[in-house]
């Protein structure tokens, strides 16, 4: 039972512990429902902010496990701090909650644009600025967590202001609405906001909903608890926040174009967000080299892609090669090299993104670079997850070409696991060969030799080799490691080599030992020779680890440098 106290001075809210029933414009039952509805909406918005930070950081910075861990741990810590800090606001719970929601709507709604802006305009500068996106990610996680943590004590006070009840029952009602709202927000982000609106507009819309819900709850339901000055302050604050969010939403297309130009240069020809990744094509006209970017990482450079694809394909074609399976390689460039060999009867390409294949078929510059391989009746393309498709394959192949992203990216580690290579071994015909792009040897030495150890653990014999001469600042082929983003001029190589020419590492594998040689009937190549291949294989062998490395598996990935 609450003991009676002297009334508070006129115009001042009563201190904590003596507040009576709020002066509501509706019945207490309706008011309680509206508070719980506000909890539901705010919880949904909070989880969308959280998922948006994880998704955007994984896209911009890479390594989704690390980014998710950073965001979640910092945010949960900040929520605890925010809950403690909100104790000082409980005597003025209505005004405090209104201020918290306005701030949360602004910070959370603009977080995606802020993170993308810092990545686009400072990420290519190097030095101290290179850590700008990571620092801002932590700052946004901390700020959003503090504000979300402050919501719960204030909402608890507001729901008790409507009708005093057992604290345990009030907490149960509050958390039930909070968890259901989190469920709805968690499902709305990947299935509604992201595919329909994208990350930038989706975050801005979420901030708008957050501001409207918080402002309506306080100014509509608890306006009697606010002084005249507090009411006008909250009205002005929410109008300013909504105006800023609306302005940002109107400018989001121009902002995205400007950021894309900062990342890729001014000759962007194609930019689209598929269901798998962002695809950008630049150059390919007026003598400018074609460049294909996937999720901000340079996949193909017309200046040096021939070095990569010749080294990837031709050593594996020494022997029977009537049937070839290409894992990845939707750009058609690996298939181009395969079809240069006589005796090829069928080439199957497994590519997870149908839009990449569509570009490789119909974009004039890219289809010219791959020599229109998709018009060849021997080429058959399947859009599917590479791992899942390999599990379903029942036929065998003379050559399997693994043209996949670098193993240091979390999303691709399963494609460099012992289980994956076991599946690849199963589809190899007697005498068949598997060739694997294993990332740059010089820049990711341990990761390269971990790939070698993993392939050997799957029961295959290996012949590692490397090919140097990657143009400074370019990473042709699927090098998509940390730092492998494009600057405003030329793209930076994924190896972080600081502008020095890099290399590509490959591993040729087979059921029985196979020589690392070019086929005697191999067509004339632009750069690769038998002498260079032998010398580069010796150089790679000399860099091996003297002690054995453990293999990488699905449950224990080991690709860290």
Protein backbone atom coordinates (compact mmCIF):
# COMPACT_ATOMS: atom_id res chain seq x y z
CA UNK A 1 0.00 0.00 0.00
CA UNK A 2 1.33 3.45 -0.93
CA UNK A 3 1.52 5.83 1.99
CA UNK A 4 -0.06 9.28 1.47
CA UNK A 5 2.30 12.21 1.01
CA UNK A 6 1.96 15.93 0.73
CA UNK A 7 1.01 17.09 -2.75
CA UNK A 8 3.78 18.23 -5.03
CA UNK A 9 4.14 21.92 -5.84
CA UNK A 10 1.99 23.11 -8.74
CA UNK A 11 3.50 22.35 -12.13
CA UNK A 12 6.12 19.94 -10.78
CA UNK A 13 5.86 16.18 -11.17
CA UNK A 14 5.67 14.27 -7.90
CA UNK A 15 8.83 12.48 -6.78
CA UNK A 16 9.36 8.77 -7.32
CA UNK A 17 7.29 6.63 -4.99
CA UNK A 18 4.45 9.08 -4.52
CA UNK A 19 3.00 9.35 -7.99
CA UNK A 20 -0.66 8.50 -8.09
CA UNK A 21 -2.81 7.40 -10.98
CA UNK A 22 -2.09 9.26 -14.20
CA UNK A 23 -4.66 11.65 -15.59
CA UNK A 24 -5.61 9.76 -18.74
CA UNK A 25 -7.91 10.82 -21.59
CA UNK A 26 -9.11 7.22 -21.87
CA UNK A 27 -10.18 4.46 -19.51
CA UNK A 28 -7.34 2.71 -17.61
CA UNK A 29 -7.87 -0.54 -19.53
CA UNK A 30 -7.52 1.23 -22.86
CA UNK A 31 -4.54 3.17 -21.58
CA UNK A 32 -2.81 0.01 -20.45
CA UNK A 33 -3.39 -1.55 -23.87
CA UNK A 34 -1.92 1.52 -25.59
CA UNK A 35 1.20 1.39 -23.42
CA UNK A 36 1.72 -2.27 -24.24
CA UNK A 37 1.15 -1.48 -27.92
CA UNK A 38 3.84 1.18 -27.64
CA UNK A 39 6.16 -1.37 -26.05
CA UNK A 40 5.46 -3.70 -28.97
CA UNK A 41 6.28 -1.08 -31.62
CA UNK A 42 9.39 0.21 -29.86
CA UNK A 43 10.73 -3.32 -29.40
CA UNK A 44 10.20 -4.08 -33.08
CA UNK A 45 12.03 -0.89 -34.07
CA UNK A 46 14.89 -1.63 -31.67
CA UNK A 47 15.51 -5.05 -33.13
CA UNK A 48 15.39 -3.67 -36.68
CA UNK A 49 18.14 -1.19 -35.75
CA UNK A 50 20.19 -4.05 -34.34
CA UNK A 51 19.77 -6.27 -37.41
CA UNK A 52 20.38 -3.37 -39.77
CA UNK A 53 23.72 -2.63 -38.10
CA UNK A 54 24.76 -6.29 -38.28
CA UNK A 55 23.73 -6.63 -41.94
CA UNK A 56 25.33 -3.40 -43.11
CA UNK A 57 28.54 -3.98 -41.15
CA UNK A 58 28.83 -7.50 -42.57
CA UNK A 59 28.35 -6.12 -46.08
CA UNK A 60 30.75 -3.20 -45.70
CA UNK A 61 33.41 -4.62 -43.40
CA UNK A 62 33.05 -8.38 -43.89
CA UNK A 63 33.12 -11.34 -41.48
CA UNK A 64 29.50 -11.51 -40.34
CA UNK A 65 30.30 -13.45 -37.15
CA UNK A 66 32.68 -10.76 -35.91
CA UNK A 67 30.34 -7.90 -36.78
CA UNK A 68 27.33 -9.61 -35.18
CA UNK A 69 29.37 -10.31 -32.05
CA UNK A 70 30.53 -6.69 -31.82
CA UNK A 71 27.06 -5.23 -32.33
CA UNK A 72 25.26 -7.62 -29.98
CA UNK A 73 27.81 -7.52 -27.17
CA UNK A 74 28.19 -3.74 -27.22
CA UNK A 75 24.46 -3.21 -27.49
CA UNK A 76 23.58 -5.57 -24.64
CA UNK A 77 26.22 -3.95 -22.42
CA UNK A 78 24.88 -0.49 -23.31
CA UNK A 79 21.32 -1.58 -22.55
CA UNK A 80 22.38 -2.39 -19.00
CA UNK A 81 24.05 0.98 -18.62
CA UNK A 82 21.00 2.69 -20.11
CA UNK A 83 18.68 0.97 -17.64
CA UNK A 84 20.75 2.22 -14.73
CA UNK A 85 20.94 5.73 -16.16
CA UNK A 86 17.15 5.82 -16.65
CA UNK A 87 16.59 5.59 -12.90
CA UNK A 88 17.14 9.34 -12.70
CA UNK A 89 14.35 9.90 -15.23
CA UNK A 90 11.69 7.81 -13.50
CA UNK A 91 10.18 10.73 -11.55
CA UNK A 92 9.50 12.31 -14.96
CA UNK A 93 8.88 9.07 -16.83
CA UNK A 94 6.57 10.48 -19.51
CA UNK A 95 8.89 13.33 -20.52
CA UNK A 96 11.92 11.07 -20.25
CA UNK A 97 10.38 8.37 -22.43
CA UNK A 98 9.37 10.93 -25.06
CA UNK A 99 12.90 12.32 -25.18
CA UNK A 100 14.45 8.83 -25.36
CA UNK A 101 12.21 7.78 -28.27
CA UNK A 102 12.90 10.95 -30.24
CA UNK A 103 16.64 10.45 -29.82
CA UNK A 104 16.41 6.74 -30.62
CA UNK A 105 14.39 7.42 -33.78
CA UNK A 106 16.98 9.92 -35.01
CA UNK A 107 20.09 7.86 -34.14
CA UNK A 108 18.67 4.51 -35.25
CA UNK A 109 17.02 5.86 -38.37
CA UNK A 110 20.18 7.62 -39.57
CA UNK A 111 22.64 4.91 -38.49
CA UNK A 112 22.68 3.12 -41.85
CA UNK A 113 23.32 6.30 -43.83
CA UNK A 114 26.00 7.40 -41.37
CA UNK A 115 27.82 4.08 -41.49
CA UNK A 116 27.63 3.91 -45.28
CA UNK A 117 28.83 7.51 -45.63
CA UNK A 118 31.90 6.95 -43.47
CA UNK A 119 32.70 3.74 -45.34
CA UNK A 120 32.32 5.39 -48.76
CA UNK A 121 34.18 8.63 -48.13
CA UNK A 122 36.87 7.61 -45.63
CA UNK A 123 37.30 3.85 -46.11
CA UNK A 124 39.64 4.31 -49.08
CA UNK A 125 41.92 6.84 -47.39
CA UNK A 126 43.88 4.27 -45.41
CA UNK A 127 45.78 4.98 -42.22
CA UNK A 128 43.72 6.03 -39.24
CA UNK A 129 40.64 6.61 -41.41
CA UNK A 130 40.55 2.94 -42.38
CA UNK A 131 39.07 2.12 -38.97
CA UNK A 132 36.34 4.77 -39.30
CA UNK A 133 33.51 2.34 -40.16
CA UNK A 134 34.42 0.03 -37.28
CA UNK A 135 34.60 2.89 -34.78
CA UNK A 136 31.27 4.28 -35.97
CA UNK A 137 29.70 0.82 -35.77
CA UNK A 138 30.68 0.61 -32.09
CA UNK A 139 29.46 4.17 -31.47
CA UNK A 140 26.04 3.49 -33.04
CA UNK A 141 25.72 0.18 -31.16
CA UNK A 142 26.56 1.92 -27.91
CA UNK A 143 24.17 4.84 -28.45
CA UNK A 144 21.25 2.69 -29.63
CA UNK A 145 21.82 0.22 -26.78
CA UNK A 146 21.82 3.01 -24.19
CA UNK A 147 18.53 4.37 -25.49
CA UNK A 148 16.85 0.96 -25.78
CA UNK A 149 17.99 0.10 -22.24
CA UNK A 150 16.45 3.30 -20.92
CA UNK A 151 13.03 2.36 -22.31
CA UNK A 152 12.23 -0.49 -19.93
CA UNK A 153 12.40 1.33 -16.55
CA UNK A 154 10.44 4.26 -17.98
CA UNK A 155 7.78 2.06 -19.52
CA UNK A 156 7.53 0.15 -16.26
CA UNK A 157 6.82 3.40 -14.48
CA UNK A 158 4.27 4.49 -17.07
CA UNK A 159 2.34 1.23 -16.92
CA UNK A 160 2.25 1.48 -13.13
CA UNK A 161 1.00 5.06 -13.41
CA UNK A 162 -2.11 3.78 -15.15
CA UNK A 163 -2.96 1.22 -12.52
CA UNK A 164 -0.80 0.02 -9.66
CA UNK A 165 -0.41 -3.74 -9.67
CA UNK A 166 1.88 -6.49 -8.55
CA UNK A 167 5.36 -5.68 -9.97
CA UNK A 168 5.80 -9.26 -11.17
CA UNK A 169 2.62 -9.06 -13.23
CA UNK A 170 3.60 -5.70 -14.69
CA UNK A 171 7.03 -7.02 -15.67
CA UNK A 172 5.46 -10.09 -17.28
CA UNK A 173 3.07 -7.96 -19.36
CA UNK A 174 5.84 -5.57 -20.35
CA UNK A 175 8.28 -8.27 -21.41
CA UNK A 176 5.61 -10.24 -23.25
CA UNK A 177 4.82 -7.21 -25.42
CA UNK A 178 8.54 -6.52 -25.81
CA UNK A 179 9.41 -10.03 -26.96
CA UNK A 180 6.48 -10.27 -29.38
CA UNK A 181 7.49 -6.91 -30.85
CA UNK A 182 11.07 -8.16 -31.22
CA UNK A 183 9.75 -11.21 -33.08
CA UNK A 184 7.80 -9.04 -35.52
CA UNK A 185 10.76 -6.70 -36.05
CA UNK A 186 13.13 -9.60 -36.55
CA UNK A 187 10.90 -11.10 -39.24
CA UNK A 188 10.01 -7.79 -40.87
CA UNK A 189 13.65 -6.85 -41.49
CA UNK A 190 14.73 -9.72 -43.79
CA UNK A 191 11.34 -10.45 -45.37
CA UNK A 192 9.84 -6.98 -45.78
CA UNK A 193 12.10 -3.98 -45.14
CA UNK A 194 15.32 -5.24 -46.71
CA UNK A 195 13.92 -6.65 -49.98
CA UNK A 196 11.34 -3.90 -50.56
CA UNK A 197 13.08 -0.78 -49.24
CA UNK A 198 16.74 -1.60 -48.82
CA UNK A 199 18.90 -0.89 -45.79
CA UNK A 200 18.96 2.90 -45.96
CA UNK A 201 15.26 3.60 -46.57
CA UNK A 202 14.27 0.72 -44.29
CA UNK A 203 16.20 2.24 -41.38
CA UNK A 204 14.71 5.69 -42.04
CA UNK A 205 11.18 4.30 -42.12
CA UNK A 206 11.81 2.42 -38.88
CA UNK A 207 12.98 5.64 -37.25
CA UNK A 208 9.83 7.38 -38.44
CA UNK A 209 7.59 4.69 -36.95
CA UNK A 210 9.60 4.84 -33.73
CA UNK A 211 9.21 8.63 -33.43
CA UNK A 212 5.49 8.56 -34.21
CA UNK A 213 4.80 5.74 -31.73
CA UNK A 214 6.81 7.31 -28.91
CA UNK A 215 5.49 10.80 -29.48
CA UNK A 216 1.86 9.69 -29.80
CA UNK A 217 2.04 7.60 -26.63
CA UNK A 218 3.46 10.40 -24.48
CA UNK A 219 1.70 13.42 -25.98
CA UNK A 220 -1.59 11.61 -26.45
CA UNK A 221 -1.88 9.45 -23.36
CA UNK A 222 0.32 11.13 -20.72
CA UNK A 223 0.07 14.78 -21.69
CA UNK A 224 -1.49 15.48 -18.31
CA UNK A 225 1.82 14.54 -16.66
CA UNK A 226 3.75 17.09 -18.71
CA UNK A 227 4.21 20.76 -18.13
CA UNK A 228 3.29 23.10 -20.95
CA UNK A 229 6.97 23.68 -21.65
CA UNK A 230 7.70 19.94 -21.73
CA UNK A 231 4.81 19.31 -24.13
CA UNK A 232 6.01 21.94 -26.60
CA UNK A 233 9.59 20.78 -26.28
CA UNK A 234 8.59 17.23 -27.19
CA UNK A 235 6.38 18.42 -30.04
CA UNK A 236 9.21 20.48 -31.53
CA UNK A 237 11.73 17.67 -31.01
CA UNK A 238 9.54 15.10 -32.76
CA UNK A 239 8.74 17.47 -35.63
CA UNK A 240 12.45 18.12 -36.12
CA UNK A 241 13.26 14.40 -36.01
CA UNK A 242 10.49 13.52 -38.46
CA UNK A 243 11.56 16.36 -40.73
CA UNK A 244 15.17 15.15 -40.74
CA UNK A 245 14.14 11.57 -41.44
CA UNK A 246 11.77 12.63 -44.22
CA UNK A 247 14.46 14.82 -45.79
CA UNK A 248 16.96 11.98 -45.66
CA UNK A 249 14.42 9.64 -47.25
CA UNK A 250 13.87 12.12 -50.09
CA UNK A 251 17.62 12.40 -50.68
CA UNK A 252 18.49 8.74 -50.21
CA UNK A 253 18.76 8.00 -53.95
CA UNK A 254 21.08 10.96 -54.53
CA UNK A 255 23.09 10.00 -51.45
CA UNK A 256 23.44 6.42 -52.63
CA UNK A 257 24.60 7.53 -56.08
CA UNK A 258 27.17 9.87 -54.59
CA UNK A 259 28.43 7.18 -52.22
CA UNK A 260 28.60 4.69 -55.07
CA UNK A 261 30.68 7.12 -57.11
CA UNK A 262 32.99 7.59 -54.14
CA UNK A 263 33.41 3.83 -53.93
CA UNK A 264 33.56 2.83 -57.57
CA UNK A 265 34.40 5.98 -59.49
CA UNK A 266 32.19 7.95 -61.83
CA UNK A 267 31.81 5.36 -64.60
CA UNK A 268 29.25 3.10 -62.89
CA UNK A 269 27.11 1.51 -65.61
CA UNK A 270 25.09 -1.07 -63.66
CA UNK A 271 24.20 -1.07 -59.98
CA UNK A 272 21.59 -3.44 -58.62
CA UNK A 273 20.76 -5.20 -55.39
CA UNK A 274 19.93 -8.84 -56.04
CA UNK A 275 18.51 -11.31 -53.57
CA UNK A 276 22.08 -12.42 -52.85
CA UNK A 277 24.35 -9.36 -53.04
CA UNK A 278 24.97 -5.93 -54.52
CA UNK A 279 26.29 -6.09 -58.09
CA UNK A 280 28.08 -3.15 -59.69
CA UNK A 281 29.64 -2.93 -63.16
CA UNK A 282 31.96 -0.08 -64.09
CA UNK A 283 33.95 0.70 -67.22
CA UNK A 284 33.92 -1.47 -70.28
CA UNK A 285 33.37 1.48 -72.61
CA UNK A 286 35.58 4.15 -74.20
CA UNK A 287 38.69 2.13 -73.47
CA UNK A 288 38.15 1.96 -69.72
CA UNK A 289 38.72 -1.51 -68.23
CA UNK A 290 35.62 -3.37 -67.13
CA UNK A 291 35.29 -4.03 -63.42
CA UNK A 292 32.71 -6.21 -61.68
CA UNK A 293 32.10 -5.68 -57.96
CA UNK A 294 30.08 -8.01 -55.74
CA UNK A 295 29.12 -6.65 -52.32
CA UNK A 296 31.68 -3.90 -52.69
CA UNK A 297 34.58 -6.28 -53.45
CA UNK A 298 36.28 -6.34 -56.81
CA UNK A 299 35.54 -9.63 -58.55
CA UNK A 300 36.80 -8.99 -62.07
CA UNK A 301 39.18 -6.44 -63.54
CA UNK A 302 39.52 -6.45 -67.30
CA UNK A 303 43.14 -5.40 -66.87
CA UNK A 304 44.42 -8.60 -65.32
CA UNK A 305 41.62 -11.18 -65.08
CA UNK A 306 43.33 -13.30 -67.77
CA UNK A 307 46.25 -13.99 -65.39
CA UNK A 308 43.88 -15.30 -62.75
CA UNK A 309 41.64 -17.39 -65.00
CA UNK A 310 44.46 -18.91 -67.04
CA UNK A 311 46.17 -20.05 -63.85
CA UNK A 312 42.91 -21.30 -62.36
CA UNK A 313 41.75 -23.40 -65.30
CA UNK A 314 44.53 -24.65 -67.56
CA UNK A 315 46.66 -26.72 -65.12
CA UNK A 316 43.52 -28.70 -64.22
CA UNK A 317 42.75 -29.41 -67.88
CA UNK A 318 45.84 -31.61 -68.29
CA UNK A 319 44.14 -34.99 -68.70
CA UNK A 320 40.58 -36.06 -69.52
CA UNK A 321 38.32 -33.02 -69.59
CA UNK A 322 35.15 -33.95 -71.42
CA UNK A 323 32.93 -33.00 -68.47
CA UNK A 324 33.71 -29.93 -66.37
CA UNK A 325 31.95 -28.57 -63.27
CA UNK A 326 32.52 -24.91 -62.31
CA UNK A 327 31.50 -23.90 -58.79
CA UNK A 328 30.86 -20.16 -58.81
CA UNK A 329 32.19 -18.39 -61.86
CA UNK A 330 28.85 -16.99 -62.98
CA UNK A 331 30.72 -14.25 -64.85
CA UNK A 332 31.59 -16.91 -67.45
CA UNK A 333 35.33 -16.19 -67.48
CA UNK A 334 36.43 -19.56 -66.12
CA UNK A 335 34.10 -21.25 -68.65
CA UNK A 336 35.72 -19.19 -71.39
CA UNK A 337 39.10 -20.73 -70.58
CA UNK A 338 37.62 -24.23 -70.31
CA UNK A 339 36.05 -23.99 -73.77
CA UNK A 340 39.40 -23.14 -75.34
CA UNK A 341 40.31 -26.83 -74.97
CA UNK A 342 39.22 -29.30 -77.57
CA UNK A 343 37.32 -32.35 -76.36
CA UNK A 344 35.09 -30.47 -73.88
CA UNK A 345 31.56 -31.85 -74.25
CA UNK A 346 29.75 -30.33 -71.27
CA UNK A 347 30.34 -27.49 -68.80
CA UNK A 348 28.04 -27.15 -65.78
CA UNK A 349 28.17 -23.85 -63.85
CA UNK A 350 26.69 -23.60 -60.35
CA UNK A 351 26.20 -19.92 -59.51
CA UNK A 352 24.18 -18.71 -56.48
CA UNK A 353 23.18 -15.39 -58.07
CA UNK A 354 21.04 -15.53 -61.22
CA UNK A 355 21.54 -11.79 -61.84
CA UNK A 356 25.29 -12.26 -62.25
CA UNK A 357 24.59 -14.83 -64.96
CA UNK A 358 22.07 -12.49 -66.54
CA UNK A 359 24.69 -9.75 -66.73
CA UNK A 360 27.25 -12.19 -68.12
CA UNK A 361 24.77 -13.08 -70.86
CA UNK A 362 23.44 -9.67 -71.81
CA UNK A 363 25.87 -6.93 -70.76
CA UNK A 364 27.81 -6.06 -73.92
CA UNK A 365 31.19 -5.55 -72.24
CA UNK A 366 31.02 -8.54 -69.87
CA UNK A 367 29.66 -10.92 -72.51
CA UNK A 368 32.41 -9.80 -74.89
CA UNK A 369 35.00 -10.46 -72.18
CA UNK A 370 33.69 -14.00 -71.60
CA UNK A 371 33.32 -14.51 -75.38
CA UNK A 372 29.59 -15.19 -75.13
CA UNK A 373 30.07 -18.55 -73.41
CA UNK A 374 26.41 -18.77 -72.44
CA UNK A 375 25.49 -18.97 -76.11
CA UNK A 376 27.47 -22.22 -76.37
CA UNK A 377 25.18 -25.27 -76.24
CA UNK A 378 27.74 -27.14 -74.12
CA UNK A 379 27.35 -24.68 -71.23
CA UNK A 380 24.59 -25.35 -68.69
CA UNK A 381 23.97 -23.00 -65.77
CA UNK A 382 22.19 -23.79 -62.50
CA UNK A 383 21.27 -21.15 -59.92
CA UNK A 384 21.70 -22.76 -56.52
CA UNK A 385 23.64 -22.70 -53.28
CA UNK A 386 26.99 -24.25 -54.17
CA UNK A 387 27.25 -26.50 -51.11
CA UNK A 388 23.69 -27.76 -51.38
CA UNK A 389 23.98 -28.37 -55.11
CA UNK A 390 27.20 -30.33 -54.70
CA UNK A 391 25.42 -32.62 -52.23
CA UNK A 392 22.78 -33.35 -54.86
CA UNK A 393 25.12 -34.07 -57.77
CA UNK A 394 25.13 -37.76 -58.72
CA UNK A 395 27.14 -37.63 -61.97
CA UNK A 396 30.93 -37.42 -62.14
CA UNK A 397 33.24 -34.88 -63.76
CA UNK A 398 36.73 -34.98 -65.16
CA UNK A 399 37.49 -31.48 -63.86
CA UNK A 400 35.97 -29.51 -60.98
CA UNK A 401 36.88 -25.80 -60.84
CA UNK A 402 36.24 -24.04 -57.51
CA UNK A 403 36.03 -20.34 -58.44
CA UNK A 404 34.76 -19.09 -55.08
CA UNK A 405 35.27 -16.17 -52.65
CA UNK A 406 38.24 -16.12 -50.31
CA UNK A 407 37.95 -18.49 -47.32
CA UNK A 408 38.46 -15.75 -44.74
CA UNK A 409 34.91 -14.51 -45.27
CA UNK A 410 32.57 -16.18 -42.82
CA UNK A 411 29.90 -16.84 -45.43
CA UNK A 412 32.35 -18.77 -47.60
CA UNK A 413 34.17 -20.84 -44.97
CA UNK A 414 31.83 -23.79 -45.50
CA UNK A 415 32.96 -23.84 -49.14
CA UNK A 416 36.51 -24.43 -47.91
CA UNK A 417 35.67 -27.08 -45.34
CA UNK A 418 36.70 -30.72 -45.17
CA UNK A 419 33.07 -31.72 -45.70
CA UNK A 420 32.86 -29.63 -48.88
CA UNK A 421 36.00 -31.17 -50.34
CA UNK A 422 34.67 -34.60 -49.43
CA UNK A 423 31.65 -33.84 -51.61
CA UNK A 424 33.92 -32.60 -54.39
CA UNK A 425 36.00 -35.78 -54.16
CA UNK A 426 32.84 -37.85 -54.58
CA UNK A 427 31.95 -36.23 -57.92
CA UNK A 428 35.46 -36.62 -59.39
CA UNK A 429 35.73 -39.26 -62.09
CA UNK A 430 38.69 -41.68 -61.95
CA UNK A 431 41.69 -39.56 -62.89
CA UNK A 432 39.68 -36.37 -62.34
CA UNK A 433 41.16 -33.17 -60.95
CA UNK A 434 39.91 -30.48 -58.60
CA UNK A 435 41.39 -26.97 -58.70
CA UNK A 436 40.71 -24.53 -55.89
CA UNK A 437 41.25 -20.80 -55.68
CA UNK A 438 42.72 -20.57 -52.16
CA UNK A 439 43.27 -16.85 -51.79
CA UNK A 440 46.50 -14.86 -52.05
CA UNK A 441 49.47 -16.84 -50.75
CA UNK A 442 51.68 -13.88 -49.87
CA UNK A 443 49.02 -11.96 -47.97
CA UNK A 444 47.14 -14.82 -46.28
CA UNK A 445 49.84 -17.39 -45.85
CA UNK A 446 48.24 -19.41 -43.06
CA UNK A 447 44.79 -19.42 -44.67
CA UNK A 448 46.26 -20.75 -47.93
CA UNK A 449 48.02 -23.64 -46.24
CA UNK A 450 44.95 -24.36 -44.15
CA UNK A 451 43.05 -24.87 -47.42
CA UNK A 452 45.79 -27.28 -48.50
CA UNK A 453 45.59 -29.20 -45.22
CA UNK A 454 41.79 -29.34 -45.46
CA UNK A 455 41.84 -30.75 -49.00
CA UNK A 456 44.36 -33.40 -47.97
CA UNK A 457 42.20 -34.29 -44.96
CA UNK A 458 39.38 -35.02 -47.44
CA UNK A 459 41.53 -37.74 -49.02
CA UNK A 460 43.02 -35.88 -51.98
CA UNK A 461 46.62 -35.33 -53.05
CA UNK A 462 47.53 -31.67 -53.55
CA UNK A 463 49.87 -29.60 -55.69
CA UNK A 464 49.88 -25.99 -54.46
CA UNK A 465 51.00 -23.19 -56.77
CA UNK A 466 50.82 -19.45 -57.03
CA UNK A 467 50.76 -16.92 -59.86
CA UNK A 468 52.15 -13.44 -59.37
CA UNK A 469 51.60 -10.26 -61.28
CA UNK A 470 48.29 -9.03 -59.94
CA UNK A 471 48.10 -5.39 -60.97
CA UNK A 472 48.69 -2.97 -58.08
CA UNK A 473 45.35 -2.08 -56.56
CA UNK A 474 43.42 -4.82 -58.33
CA UNK A 475 42.12 -8.18 -57.18
CA UNK A 476 40.75 -9.90 -60.24
CA UNK A 477 39.01 -13.11 -59.51
CA UNK A 478 36.88 -13.56 -56.41
CA UNK A 479 39.32 -12.07 -53.88
CA UNK A 480 36.86 -10.61 -51.41
CA UNK A 481 38.77 -10.37 -48.17
CA UNK A 482 38.85 -7.57 -45.63
CA UNK A 483 39.88 -4.32 -47.20
CA UNK A 484 39.04 -5.50 -50.69
CA UNK A 485 36.86 -2.57 -51.55
CA UNK A 486 37.12 -0.11 -54.31
CA UNK A 487 38.36 3.38 -53.81
CA UNK A 488 37.28 6.39 -55.76
CA UNK A 489 39.76 5.58 -58.46
CA UNK A 490 41.18 2.09 -58.78
CA UNK A 491 40.05 -0.68 -56.53
CA UNK A 492 42.30 -1.89 -53.78
CA UNK A 493 43.41 -5.48 -53.75
CA UNK A 494 41.89 -7.70 -51.14
CA UNK A 495 45.20 -8.64 -49.75
CA UNK A 496 45.81 -5.29 -48.23
CA UNK A 497 49.17 -5.15 -49.92
CA UNK A 498 49.33 -1.42 -49.80
CA UNK A 499 49.43 -1.01 -53.53
CA UNK A 500 52.14 -3.58 -54.23
CA UNK A 501 51.56 -6.20 -56.88
CA UNK A 502 50.12 -9.32 -55.28
CA UNK A 503 49.55 -12.93 -56.20
CA UNK A 504 46.83 -15.56 -56.39
CA UNK A 505 47.16 -18.94 -54.75
CA UNK A 506 45.73 -22.17 -56.18
CA UNK A 507 45.71 -25.84 -55.27
CA UNK A 508 45.40 -28.67 -57.77
CA UNK A 509 44.02 -31.82 -56.14
CA UNK A 510 43.28 -35.38 -57.29
CA UNK A 511 42.56 -38.86 -55.94
CA UNK A 512 46.03 -40.01 -57.02
CA UNK A 513 49.17 -37.86 -57.40
CA UNK A 514 48.97 -35.80 -60.58
CA UNK A 515 51.67 -33.70 -62.22
CA UNK A 516 51.33 -29.94 -62.31
CA UNK A 517 51.65 -29.46 -66.04
CA UNK A 518 49.88 -27.77 -68.90
CA UNK A 519 48.23 -30.00 -71.45
CA UNK A 520 50.40 -30.58 -74.52
CA UNK A 521 47.47 -29.51 -76.69
CA UNK A 522 46.81 -26.45 -74.53
CA UNK A 523 45.96 -23.36 -76.60
CA UNK A 524 48.43 -20.50 -76.65
CA UNK A 525 48.07 -18.53 -73.42
CA UNK A 526 48.70 -14.83 -72.87
CA UNK A 527 50.82 -15.11 -69.70
CA UNK A 528 50.99 -18.64 -68.28
CA UNK A 529 53.88 -20.90 -69.37
CA UNK A 530 55.06 -24.27 -68.15
CA UNK A 531 58.36 -22.82 -66.94
CA UNK A 532 56.63 -20.09 -64.96
CA UNK A 533 54.11 -22.57 -63.52
CA UNK A 534 56.90 -24.89 -62.34
CA UNK A 535 58.87 -22.02 -60.80
CA UNK A 536 55.80 -20.65 -59.03
CA UNK A 537 54.93 -24.10 -57.68
CA UNK A 538 58.43 -24.38 -56.20
CA UNK A 539 58.11 -20.94 -54.66
CA UNK A 540 54.80 -21.91 -53.10
CA UNK A 541 56.24 -25.17 -51.77
CA UNK A 542 59.13 -23.33 -50.09
CA UNK A 543 56.63 -21.18 -48.17
CA UNK A 544 54.81 -24.14 -46.62
CA UNK A 545 54.42 -24.57 -42.87
CA UNK A 546 56.90 -27.07 -41.44
CA UNK A 547 54.41 -28.22 -38.82
CA UNK A 548 51.05 -29.66 -39.95
CA UNK A 549 48.01 -27.41 -39.77
CA UNK A 550 44.63 -28.76 -38.66
CA UNK A 551 41.90 -28.91 -41.32
CA UNK A 552 38.93 -26.57 -41.32
CA UNK A 553 35.50 -28.15 -40.80
CA UNK A 554 31.93 -26.92 -40.75
CA UNK A 555 31.84 -26.82 -36.95
CA UNK A 556 35.40 -25.58 -36.52
CA UNK A 557 36.39 -23.09 -39.23
CA UNK A 558 40.06 -22.12 -39.03
CA UNK A 559 40.52 -19.43 -41.65
CA UNK A 560 41.95 -16.61 -39.59
CA UNK A 561 45.16 -14.72 -40.19
